[in-house]
C-alpha atoms as a PDB file:
ATOM      1  CA  MET A   1       0.000   0.000   0.000  1.00  0.00           C
ATOM      2  CA  ARG A   2       1.447   3.337  -0.979  1.00  0.00           C
ATOM      3  CA  ALA A   3       0.642   6.551   0.835  1.00  0.00           C
ATOM      4  CA  ALA A   4       1.217  10.058  -0.357  1.00  0.00           C
ATOM      5  CA  ASP A   5       3.318  12.350   1.754  1.00  0.00           C
ATOM      6  CA  LEU A   6       1.677  14.837   4.058  1.00  0.00           C
ATOM      7  CA  ASP A   7      -1.347  16.143   2.171  1.00  0.00           C
ATOM      8  CA  ARG A   8      -1.129  19.903   2.619  1.00  0.00           C
ATOM      9  CA  ARG A   9      -4.527  20.380   1.033  1.00  0.00           C
ATOM     10  CA  LEU A  10      -6.180  18.995   4.147  1.00  0.00           C
ATOM     11  CA  ASP A  11      -6.992  21.814   6.552  1.00  0.00           C
ATOM     12  CA  LEU A  12      -6.586  19.963   9.843  1.00  0.00           C
ATOM     13  CA  PRO A  13      -6.523  21.326  13.402  1.00  0.00           C
ATOM     14  CA  PRO A  14      -3.265  21.797  15.307  1.00  0.00           C
ATOM     15  CA  LEU A  15      -1.526  18.569  16.357  1.00  0.00           C
ATOM     16  CA  PHE A  16      -3.129  16.657  13.463  1.00  0.00           C
ATOM     17  CA  ARG A  17      -1.223  15.602  10.373  1.00  0.00           C
ATOM     18  CA  GLY A  18      -2.834  14.085   7.305  1.00  0.00           C
ATOM     19  CA  ILE A  19      -1.790  11.116   5.186  1.00  0.00           C
ATOM     20  CA  THR A  20      -3.784  10.240   2.087  1.00  0.00           C
ATOM     21  CA  LEU A  21      -3.858   6.875   0.374  1.00  0.00           C
ATOM     22  CA  ARG A  22      -4.519   6.221  -3.256  1.00  0.00           C
ATOM     23  CA  GLU A  23      -8.065   5.251  -4.211  1.00  0.00           C
ATOM     24  CA  GLY A  24      -8.741   1.729  -3.033  1.00  0.00           C
ATOM     25  CA  GLY A  25      -6.417   2.040  -0.031  1.00  0.00           C
ATOM     26  CA  ASP A  26      -7.406   0.858   3.436  1.00  0.00           C
ATOM     27  CA  ALA A  27      -7.227   3.672   5.986  1.00  0.00           C
ATOM     28  CA  PHE A  28      -7.816   1.375   8.962  1.00  0.00           C
ATOM     29  CA  ALA A  29      -5.105  -1.135   8.062  1.00  0.00           C
ATOM     30  CA  HIS A  30      -2.615   1.599   7.203  1.00  0.00           C
ATOM     31  CA  ALA A  31      -3.245   3.542  10.419  1.00  0.00           C
ATOM     32  CA  CYS A  32      -2.817   0.376  12.494  1.00  0.00           C
ATOM     33  CA  ALA A  33       0.434  -0.437  10.690  1.00  0.00           C
ATOM     34  CA  ILE A  34       2.004   2.982  11.262  1.00  0.00           C
ATOM     35  CA  ALA A  35       0.472   3.817  14.661  1.00  0.00           C
ATOM     36  CA  PRO A  36       3.497   2.834  16.786  1.00  0.00           C
ATOM     37  CA  GLU A  37       5.719   5.307  14.921  1.00  0.00           C
ATOM     38  CA  ALA A  38       3.225   7.874  13.592  1.00  0.00           C
ATOM     39  CA  GLY A  39       1.920   9.018  16.953  1.00  0.00           C
ATOM     40  CA  ALA A  40      -1.231  10.722  18.140  1.00  0.00           C
ATOM     41  CA  GLY A  41      -3.087  12.971  15.732  1.00  0.00           C
ATOM     42  CA  THR A  42      -2.118  11.119  12.573  1.00  0.00           C
ATOM     43  CA  LEU A  43      -5.154  11.071  10.296  1.00  0.00           C
ATOM     44  CA  VAL A  44      -5.232   8.614   7.397  1.00  0.00           C
ATOM     45  CA  LEU A  45      -7.741   9.213   4.603  1.00  0.00           C
ATOM     46  CA  ALA A  46      -8.291   6.790   1.739  1.00  0.00           C
ATOM     47  CA  ARG A  47      -9.304   8.620  -1.409  1.00  0.00           C
ATOM     48  CA  GLY A  48     -12.444   7.454  -3.168  1.00  0.00           C
ATOM     49  CA  GLY A  49     -15.682   8.941  -4.407  1.00  0.00           C
ATOM     50  CA  LEU A  50     -18.116   6.411  -2.951  1.00  0.00           C
ATOM     51  CA  VAL A  51     -16.848   5.819   0.595  1.00  0.00           C
ATOM     52  CA  PHE A  52     -15.531   7.983   3.413  1.00  0.00           C
ATOM     53  CA  ASP A  53     -12.709   5.910   4.911  1.00  0.00           C
ATOM     54  CA  CYS A  54     -10.809   7.716   7.669  1.00  0.00           C
ATOM     55  CA  ALA A  55      -8.717   6.590  10.638  1.00  0.00           C
ATOM     56  CA  VAL A  56      -7.078   8.577  13.435  1.00  0.00           C
ATOM     57  CA  VAL A  57      -4.288   7.493  15.776  1.00  0.00           C
ATOM     58  CA  LEU A  58      -4.826   8.337  19.442  1.00  0.00           C
ATOM     59  CA  GLU A  59      -2.629   7.825  22.509  1.00  0.00           C
ATOM     60  CA  PRO A  60      -4.943   7.741  25.533  1.00  0.00           C
ATOM     61  CA  ALA A  61      -3.175   7.901  28.885  1.00  0.00           C
ATOM     62  CA  MET A  62      -5.700   5.633  30.601  1.00  0.00           C
ATOM     63  CA  PRO A  63      -6.516   1.938  30.942  1.00  0.00           C
ATOM     64  CA  LEU A  64      -8.082   0.241  27.943  1.00  0.00           C
ATOM     65  CA  ALA A  65     -11.295  -0.291  29.914  1.00  0.00           C
ATOM     66  CA  ARG A  66     -11.809   3.479  29.914  1.00  0.00           C
ATOM     67  CA  ALA A  67     -10.066   4.289  26.639  1.00  0.00           C
ATOM     68  CA  ARG A  68     -12.766   2.477  24.650  1.00  0.00           C
ATOM     69  CA  ILE A  69     -14.922   5.565  25.216  1.00  0.00           C
ATOM     70  CA  ALA A  70     -12.972   6.957  22.238  1.00  0.00           C
ATOM     71  CA  LEU A  71     -15.537   5.108  20.125  1.00  0.00           C
ATOM     72  CA  HIS A  72     -18.355   7.230  21.534  1.00  0.00           C
ATOM     73  CA  VAL A  73     -16.339  10.419  21.177  1.00  0.00           C
ATOM     74  CA  GLY A  74     -15.577   9.523  17.565  1.00  0.00           C
ATOM     75  CA  LEU A  75     -19.145   8.662  16.598  1.00  0.00           C
ATOM     76  CA  THR A  76     -20.418  11.869  18.163  1.00  0.00           C
ATOM     77  CA  ALA A  77     -17.747  13.899  16.350  1.00  0.00           C
ATOM     78  CA  LEU A  78     -18.701  12.321  13.045  1.00  0.00           C
ATOM     79  CA  ALA A  79     -22.395  12.985  13.635  1.00  0.00           C
ATOM     80  CA  ASP A  80     -21.664  16.603  14.546  1.00  0.00           C
ATOM     81  CA  ALA A  81     -19.538  17.006  11.414  1.00  0.00           C
ATOM     82  CA  LEU A  82     -22.402  15.682   9.297  1.00  0.00           C
ATOM     83  CA  SER A  83     -25.005  17.828  11.047  1.00  0.00           C
ATOM     84  CA  VAL A  84     -23.320  20.953   9.694  1.00  0.00           C
ATOM     85  CA  ILE A  85     -24.137  19.916   6.122  1.00  0.00           C
ATOM     86  CA  ALA A  86     -27.195  17.695   6.653  1.00  0.00           C
ATOM     87  CA  PRO A  87     -30.474  18.608   4.935  1.00  0.00           C
ATOM     88  CA  PRO A  88     -33.298  19.573   7.289  1.00  0.00           C
ATOM     89  CA  GLU A  89     -35.316  16.784   8.895  1.00  0.00           C
ATOM     90  CA  HIS A  90     -32.696  14.095   8.313  1.00  0.00           C
ATOM     91  CA  PRO A  91     -31.904  12.907  11.852  1.00  0.00           C
ATOM     92  CA  ILE A  92     -28.522  11.327  12.514  1.00  0.00           C
ATOM     93  CA  GLY A  93     -28.643   8.537  15.061  1.00  0.00           C
ATOM     94  CA  PHE A  94     -26.709   5.601  16.476  1.00  0.00           C
ATOM     95  CA  VAL A  95     -27.371   1.903  16.932  1.00  0.00           C
ATOM     96  CA  TRP A  96     -25.425   0.460  19.830  1.00  0.00           C
ATOM     97  CA  PRO A  97     -22.559  -0.073  19.859  1.00  0.00           C
ATOM     98  CA  ASP A  98     -20.991   1.282  16.668  1.00  0.00           C
ATOM     99  CA  MET A  99     -23.413   1.996  13.818  1.00  0.00           C
ATOM    100  CA  MET A 100     -24.643   5.296  12.381  1.00  0.00           C
ATOM    101  CA  LEU A 101     -28.069   5.928  10.859  1.00  0.00           C
ATOM    102  CA  ILE A 102     -29.365   8.777   8.741  1.00  0.00           C
ATOM    103  CA  ASP A 103     -33.144   9.084   8.705  1.00  0.00           C
ATOM    104  CA  GLY A 104     -33.340   5.552  10.120  1.00  0.00           C
ATOM    105  CA  ALA A 105     -31.211   3.859   7.438  1.00  0.00           C
ATOM    106  CA  ARG A 106     -27.707   2.436   7.893  1.00  0.00           C
ATOM    107  CA  VAL A 107     -24.915   4.580   6.473  1.00  0.00           C
ATOM    108  CA  GLY A 108     -21.752   3.422   8.264  1.00  0.00           C
ATOM    109  CA  GLY A 109     -20.102   3.373  11.648  1.00  0.00           C
ATOM    110  CA  ALA A 110     -16.905   3.363  13.665  1.00  0.00           C
ATOM    111  CA  ARG A 111     -14.552   0.829  15.233  1.00  0.00           C
ATOM    112  CA  LEU A 112     -11.413   0.647  17.338  1.00  0.00           C
ATOM    113  CA  ALA A 113      -8.100  -1.177  17.269  1.00  0.00           C
ATOM    114  CA  HIS A 114      -5.399  -0.918  19.906  1.00  0.00           C
ATOM    115  CA  ALA A 115      -1.872  -1.933  20.745  1.00  0.00           C
ATOM    116  CA  PRO A 116      -1.507  -5.231  22.600  1.00  0.00           C
ATOM    117  CA  VAL A 117      -2.199  -5.012  26.318  1.00  0.00           C
ATOM    118  CA  VAL A 118      -2.168  -7.415  29.250  1.00  0.00           C
ATOM    119  CA  GLY A 119      -5.716  -6.963  30.456  1.00  0.00           C
ATOM    120  CA  ASP A 120      -8.110  -4.034  30.396  1.00  0.00           C
ATOM    121  CA  LEU A 121      -6.329  -2.238  33.237  1.00  0.00           C
ATOM    122  CA  GLN A 122      -3.241  -1.554  31.103  1.00  0.00           C
ATOM    123  CA  ALA A 123      -3.068   1.602  28.978  1.00  0.00           C
ATOM    124  CA  PRO A 124      -2.497   0.790  25.300  1.00  0.00           C
ATOM    125  CA  ASP A 125       0.373   2.591  23.608  1.00  0.00           C
ATOM    126  CA  TRP A 126      -2.024   3.594  20.827  1.00  0.00           C
ATOM    127  CA  ILE A 127      -5.607   3.324  19.650  1.00  0.00           C
ATOM    128  CA  VAL A 128      -6.868   3.663  16.090  1.00  0.00           C
ATOM    129  CA  LEU A 129     -10.349   5.138  15.661  1.00  0.00           C
ATOM    130  CA  HIS A 130     -11.774   4.241  12.267  1.00  0.00           C
ATOM    131  CA  ALA A 131     -14.869   5.740  10.634  1.00  0.00           C
ATOM    132  CA  MET A 132     -16.551   4.706   7.378  1.00  0.00           C
ATOM    133  CA  LEU A 133     -19.604   6.164   5.667  1.00  0.00           C
ATOM    134  CA  ARG A 134     -21.239   5.486   2.336  1.00  0.00           C
ATOM    135  CA  LEU A 135     -20.990   8.734   0.391  1.00  0.00           C
ATOM    136  CA  ALA A 136     -22.775   7.531  -2.748  1.00  0.00           C
ATOM    137  CA  GLU A 137     -23.932   4.360  -4.463  1.00  0.00           C
ATOM    138  CA  PRO A 138     -22.065   2.890  -7.435  1.00  0.00           C
ATOM    139  CA  PRO A 139     -23.349   3.891 -10.864  1.00  0.00           C
ATOM    140  CA  GLY A 140     -26.389   1.912 -11.912  1.00  0.00           C
ATOM    141  CA  ILE A 141     -27.718   1.355  -8.390  1.00  0.00           C
ATOM    142  CA  GLU A 142     -31.204   2.822  -8.172  1.00  0.00           C
ATOM    143  CA  THR A 143     -32.494   4.651  -5.116  1.00  0.00           C
ATOM    144  CA  GLY A 144     -34.288   2.169  -2.887  1.00  0.00           C
ATOM    145  CA  ALA A 145     -32.490  -0.889  -4.256  1.00  0.00           C
ATOM    146  CA  PHE A 146     -31.155  -1.529  -0.738  1.00  0.00           C
ATOM    147  CA  PRO A 147     -33.906  -0.284   1.605  1.00  0.00           C
ATOM    148  CA  ASP A 148     -31.928  -0.935   4.801  1.00  0.00           C
ATOM    149  CA  ARG A 149     -28.991   1.248   3.803  1.00  0.00           C
ATOM    150  CA  THR A 150     -28.434   4.747   2.509  1.00  0.00           C
ATOM    151  CA  SER A 151     -25.724   7.200   1.464  1.00  0.00           C
ATOM    152  CA  LEU A 152     -25.122  10.898   1.939  1.00  0.00           C
ATOM    153  CA  GLU A 153     -25.978  11.479  -1.697  1.00  0.00           C
ATOM    154  CA  GLN A 154     -29.288   9.633  -1.361  1.00  0.00           C
ATOM    155  CA  GLN A 155     -30.110  11.669   1.728  1.00  0.00           C
ATOM    156  CA  GLY A 156     -29.697  14.905  -0.209  1.00  0.00           C
ATOM    157  CA  PHE A 157     -26.340  16.043   1.133  1.00  0.00           C
ATOM    158  CA  GLU A 158     -25.078  18.584  -1.357  1.00  0.00           C
ATOM    159  CA  GLU A 159     -21.443  18.101  -0.340  1.00  0.00           C
ATOM    160  CA  VAL A 160     -20.127  14.547  -0.306  1.00  0.00           C
ATOM    161  CA  ASP A 161     -16.400  15.252  -0.564  1.00  0.00           C
ATOM    162  CA  GLY A 162     -14.426  12.955   1.711  1.00  0.00           C
ATOM    163  CA  ALA A 163     -11.531  15.352   2.246  1.00  0.00           C
ATOM    164  CA  ARG A 164     -13.762  18.158   3.456  1.00  0.00           C
ATOM    165  CA  LEU A 165     -15.626  15.757   5.712  1.00  0.00           C
ATOM    166  CA  ALA A 166     -12.307  14.554   7.151  1.00  0.00           C
ATOM    167  CA  GLU A 167     -11.429  18.151   8.026  1.00  0.00           C
ATOM    168  CA  ARG A 168     -14.734  18.677   9.830  1.00  0.00           C
ATOM    169  CA  PHE A 169     -14.454  15.316  11.557  1.00  0.00           C
ATOM    170  CA  ALA A 170     -10.977  16.166  12.851  1.00  0.00           C
ATOM    171  CA  ARG A 171     -12.134  19.503  14.273  1.00  0.00           C
ATOM    172  CA  HIS A 172     -15.134  17.983  16.041  1.00  0.00           C
ATOM    173  CA  LEU A 173     -13.017  15.069  17.256  1.00  0.00           C
ATOM    174  CA  MET A 174     -10.474  17.450  18.749  1.00  0.00           C
ATOM    175  CA  ALA A 175     -13.275  19.287  20.562  1.00  0.00           C
ATOM    176  CA  GLY A 176     -14.757  16.022  21.805  1.00  0.00           C
ATOM    177  CA  LEU A 177     -11.432  14.742  23.070  1.00  0.00           C
ATOM    178  CA  TYR A 178     -10.848  18.037  24.887  1.00  0.00           C
ATOM    179  CA  THR A 179     -14.258  17.780  26.571  1.00  0.00           C
ATOM    180  CA  TRP A 180     -13.528  14.198  27.617  1.00  0.00           C
ATOM    181  CA  GLN A 181     -10.149  15.205  29.059  1.00  0.00           C
ATOM    182  CA  GLU A 182     -11.293  18.340  30.838  1.00  0.00           C
ATOM    183  CA  ASP A 183     -14.868  17.529  31.888  1.00  0.00           C
ATOM    184  CA  GLY A 184     -14.766  13.766  32.189  1.00  0.00           C
ATOM    185  CA  PHE A 185     -17.023  10.983  31.050  1.00  0.00           C
ATOM    186  CA  ALA A 186     -20.466  12.433  31.874  1.00  0.00           C
ATOM    187  CA  PRO A 187     -20.809  14.955  28.982  1.00  0.00           C
ATOM    188  CA  VAL A 188     -19.507  12.365  26.520  1.00  0.00           C
ATOM    189  CA  ALA A 189     -22.168   9.893  27.628  1.00  0.00           C
ATOM    190  CA  GLU A 190     -24.911  12.527  27.568  1.00  0.00           C
ATOM    191  CA  THR A 191     -24.241  13.665  23.999  1.00  0.00           C
ATOM    192  CA  TRP A 192     -23.882  10.099  22.704  1.00  0.00           C
ATOM    193  CA  LEU A 193     -27.051   8.870  24.383  1.00  0.00           C
ATOM    194  CA  ALA A 194     -28.970  11.821  22.934  1.00  0.00           C
ATOM    195  CA  ARG A 195     -28.433  10.313  19.473  1.00  0.00           C
ATOM    196  CA  LEU A 196     -29.011   6.665  20.413  1.00  0.00           C
ATOM    197  CA  ALA A 197     -31.881   5.341  18.295  1.00  0.00           C
ATOM    198  CA  GLU A 198     -31.606   1.635  19.119  1.00  0.00           C
ATOM    199  CA  PRO A 199     -32.131  -0.170  21.405  1.00  0.00           C
ATOM    200  CA  GLU A 200     -35.083   1.572  22.943  1.00  0.00           C
ATOM    201  CA  ALA A 201     -35.735   1.356  26.679  1.00  0.00           C
ATOM    202  CA  ALA A 202     -37.484   3.244  29.434  1.00  0.00           C
ATOM    203  CA  GLU A 203     -34.073   4.364  30.706  1.00  0.00           C
ATOM    204  CA  ARG A 204     -30.658   4.141  29.080  1.00  0.00           C
ATOM    205  CA  GLY A 205     -27.204   4.941  30.331  1.00  0.00           C
ATOM    206  CA  LEU A 206     -23.498   4.298  29.827  1.00  0.00           C
ATOM    207  CA  ASP A 207     -21.003   3.309  32.452  1.00  0.00           C
ATOM    208  CA  PRO A 208     -17.382   4.546  32.280  1.00  0.00           C
ATOM    209  CA  SER A 209     -16.296   1.389  30.439  1.00  0.00           C
ATOM    210  CA  GLY A 210     -18.805   2.059  27.656  1.00  0.00           C
ATOM    211  CA  ASP A 211     -21.225  -0.702  28.606  1.00  0.00           C
ATOM    212  CA  LEU A 212     -24.837   0.125  27.769  1.00  0.00           C
ATOM    213  CA  LEU A 213     -27.188   0.094  30.757  1.00  0.00           C
ATOM    214  CA  LEU A 214     -30.893  -0.483  30.106  1.00  0.00           C
ATOM    215  CA  ARG A 215     -34.011  -0.467  32.259  1.00  0.00           C
ATOM    216  CA  ASP A 216     -37.364  -1.507  30.816  1.00  0.00           C
ATOM    217  CA  ALA A 217     -40.803  -0.250  31.772  1.00  0.00           C
ATOM    218  CA  ALA A 218     -41.094  -2.936  34.442  1.00  0.00           C
ATOM    219  CA  GLY A 219     -37.862  -1.799  36.061  1.00  0.00           C
ATOM    220  CA  VAL A 220     -35.814  -4.789  34.910  1.00  0.00           C
ATOM    221  CA  GLU A 221     -32.185  -3.802  34.357  1.00  0.00           C
ATOM    222  CA  SER A 222     -29.729  -5.255  31.850  1.00  0.00           C
ATOM    223  CA  ARG A 223     -26.203  -4.548  30.658  1.00  0.00           C
ATOM    224  CA  ARG A 224     -24.653  -4.858  27.200  1.00  0.00           C
ATOM    225  CA  PRO A 225     -20.838  -5.064  27.506  1.00  0.00           C
ATOM    226  CA  LEU A 226     -18.920  -2.965  24.994  1.00  0.00           C
ATOM    227  CA  ALA A 227     -15.624  -4.863  24.789  1.00  0.00           C
ATOM    228  CA  PRO A 228     -16.950  -8.115  23.246  1.00  0.00           C
ATOM    229  CA  ALA A 229     -19.370  -6.209  21.012  1.00  0.00           C
ATOM    230  CA  LEU A 230     -16.512  -4.322  19.355  1.00  0.00           C
ATOM    231  CA  ALA A 231     -14.932  -7.566  18.183  1.00  0.00           C
ATOM    232  CA  SER A 232     -17.453  -7.775  15.307  1.00  0.00           C
ATOM    233  CA  PRO A 233     -18.430  -4.359  13.886  1.00  0.00           C
ATOM    234  CA  THR A 234     -22.114  -4.359  12.992  1.00  0.00           C
ATOM    235  CA  TRP A 235     -21.809  -2.191   9.878  1.00  0.00           C
ATOM    236  CA  LEU A 236     -18.936  -3.677   7.851  1.00  0.00           C
ATOM    237  CA  ASP A 237     -21.331  -5.581   5.578  1.00  0.00           C
ATOM    238  CA  LEU A 238     -22.362  -2.223   4.126  1.00  0.00           C
ATOM    239  CA  PHE A 239     -18.974  -2.075   2.385  1.00  0.00           C
ATOM    240  CA  ALA A 240     -18.553  -5.706   1.348  1.00  0.00           C
END
């Protein structure tokens, strides 16, 4: 896989540096491969007109059990970046643990990889946060051919340029990471839960490890652990 040098056309926030891959590259695999040397703030973008494929290297100074909250920060940042350019009345929501919806249809999601650790109480040397969205359908695919999925183009987004979206994503991610560092877990959980579309419950919450806490109308409580759920991203079939 060949990567271009620093792409100076990307307008990224301070402490971020951009690497672009040729069309057909794999941002997630490349970011994982270079993470030990590249360091925090490295953003890898795979060029392509149909898919937004972006990965960011992070270096959280906390145990893995808490660092997985980067997934929630990343999904919220991506949703906020999209909200700036979203047409009216096209709600952006989440399906636990890692999927994004636009107007109720699947459009993509996020996932994590991390350096090897000995148990969840060890801080990983690095984490890679990966986000993918369907920007448009291939030529010849009619609207409605896949009723359970959508794309930004189908949803009426006027701007579906991956590079510009990467710039917005980086800015919102930086803001989200700052909030997490300065104000703690509570505001991260609140903003993520505000967009949670599924599962429904009488009460929903997150604990500091990212596990989803549910209480039904009868008061019965349940927990959905995050760590095992992240082993099999729920949205990858959208890009098969």
